[in-house]
Structure formats: C-alpha cells, structure tokens
Protein backbone atom coordinates (compact mmCIF):
# COMPACT_ATOMS: atom_id res chain seq x y z
CA UNK A 1 0.00 0.00 0.00
CA UNK A 2 1.38 3.39 -0.92
CA UNK A 3 1.65 6.46 1.26
CA UNK A 4 -1.07 8.10 -0.81
CA UNK A 5 -3.49 5.21 -0.22
CA UNK A 6 -2.54 4.62 3.39
CA UNK A 7 -3.86 7.84 4.89
CA UNK A 8 -5.78 10.97 4.11
CA UNK A 9 -3.01 13.34 5.17
CA UNK A 10 -1.64 15.80 2.67
CA UNK A 11 2.05 16.23 3.11
CA UNK A 12 4.42 18.22 0.97
CA UNK A 13 8.00 18.69 2.11
CA UNK A 14 9.85 21.97 1.74
CA UNK A 15 11.89 20.51 -1.13
CA UNK A 16 10.33 18.18 -3.67
CA UNK A 17 13.47 16.03 -3.67
CA UNK A 18 12.65 15.14 -0.05
CA UNK A 19 9.91 12.88 -1.45
CA UNK A 20 12.64 10.84 -3.13
CA UNK A 21 15.04 10.54 -0.21
CA UNK A 22 16.04 7.22 1.27
CA UNK A 23 17.40 6.47 4.70
CA UNK A 24 19.31 3.68 6.41
CA UNK A 25 19.36 2.57 10.01
CA UNK A 26 22.04 3.58 12.45
CA UNK A 27 23.76 0.22 12.14
CA UNK A 28 24.43 0.60 8.40
CA UNK A 29 28.00 0.22 7.22
CA UNK A 30 29.93 3.02 5.54
CA UNK A 31 29.24 1.67 2.05
CA UNK A 32 25.47 1.67 2.65
CA UNK A 33 25.56 5.21 4.04
CA UNK A 34 27.57 6.35 1.02
CA UNK A 35 24.96 4.77 -1.25
CA UNK A 36 22.18 6.58 0.61
CA UNK A 37 23.98 9.90 0.20
CA UNK A 38 24.53 9.25 -3.49
CA UNK A 39 20.87 8.36 -4.07
CA UNK A 40 19.62 11.41 -2.16
CA UNK A 41 21.95 13.73 -4.03
CA UNK A 42 20.91 12.17 -7.34
CA UNK A 43 17.23 12.80 -6.56
CA UNK A 44 17.85 16.53 -6.43
CA UNK A 45 19.95 16.48 -9.61
CA UNK A 46 17.28 14.44 -11.40
CA UNK A 47 14.45 16.77 -10.40
CA UNK A 48 16.39 19.85 -11.48
CA UNK A 49 17.24 18.34 -14.87
CA UNK A 50 20.92 17.86 -14.12
CA UNK A 51 20.57 14.07 -14.46
CA UNK A 52 18.64 12.16 -17.11
CA UNK A 53 15.97 9.57 -16.33
CA UNK A 54 18.07 6.63 -17.49
CA UNK A 55 20.99 7.49 -15.22
CA UNK A 56 18.77 8.10 -12.18
CA UNK A 57 16.80 4.89 -12.69
CA UNK A 58 20.00 2.89 -13.23
CA UNK A 59 21.45 4.32 -10.02
CA UNK A 60 18.36 3.28 -8.05
CA UNK A 61 18.41 -0.19 -9.59
CA UNK A 62 22.13 -0.58 -8.85
CA UNK A 63 21.41 0.05 -5.17
CA UNK A 64 18.55 -2.46 -5.05
CA UNK A 65 15.64 -0.03 -5.39
CA UNK A 66 12.96 -0.76 -7.98
CA UNK A 67 12.95 2.57 -9.85
CA UNK A 68 9.41 2.32 -11.22
CA UNK A 69 7.92 1.39 -7.86
CA UNK A 70 9.96 4.00 -5.99
CA UNK A 71 9.17 6.89 -8.32
CA UNK A 72 5.62 5.58 -8.77
CA UNK A 73 5.04 5.95 -5.03
CA UNK A 74 5.96 9.63 -5.23
CA UNK A 75 3.84 10.05 -8.36
CA UNK A 76 0.83 8.56 -6.51
CA UNK A 77 1.40 10.98 -3.65
CA UNK A 78 1.58 13.97 -6.00
CA UNK A 79 -1.59 12.87 -7.83
CA UNK A 80 -3.37 12.74 -4.48
CA UNK A 81 -2.17 16.25 -3.66
CA UNK A 82 -3.31 17.59 -7.02
CA UNK A 83 -6.75 16.00 -6.68
CA UNK A 84 -7.17 17.56 -3.24
CA UNK A 85 -6.14 21.09 -4.25
C-alpha cells in the first residue's frame, strides 16, 4: 500500500526532492551510508534536470531499489495532492 493510499493526510515537504530521499538505520556500514547519500543527491539532480531519467533509474536499480515502484510511489502521492487542491 502506498503512502497516498494509506492515509488521508496531505504532506508536501519543503523541497520536492525530499519525497525521493532514502534512509538507512544507524547500524548501516559506511558503504550503505555512502549509497544513501549518493541516491539522495541524485534525486535533487534528477528533479532539477541535471541528471537524465536513465541514469537516475540505473542508479536506483544498482542500489537495489525498484525505480518504477519507488518513483511511482511519489507520483501517486503527487496525484493525491493535485486531486485535493
């Protein structure tokens, strides 16, 4: 179940790229933390047109994130926001 379907709350972060951030737990190794930082930085570059779709989606896939599901979740959330406005 997606965030958009799970509740009726409308949430929009201060920066749109925040919707595409990932996090790791405090026990993550340095390599995992570096991957998280890379993915979060790439989200901002992708949304500002500094990175193409292919590169962003390949980066997500390389780090074990299904790009279509991940971005689709954000898309569902944005559609919910637009319908409610």
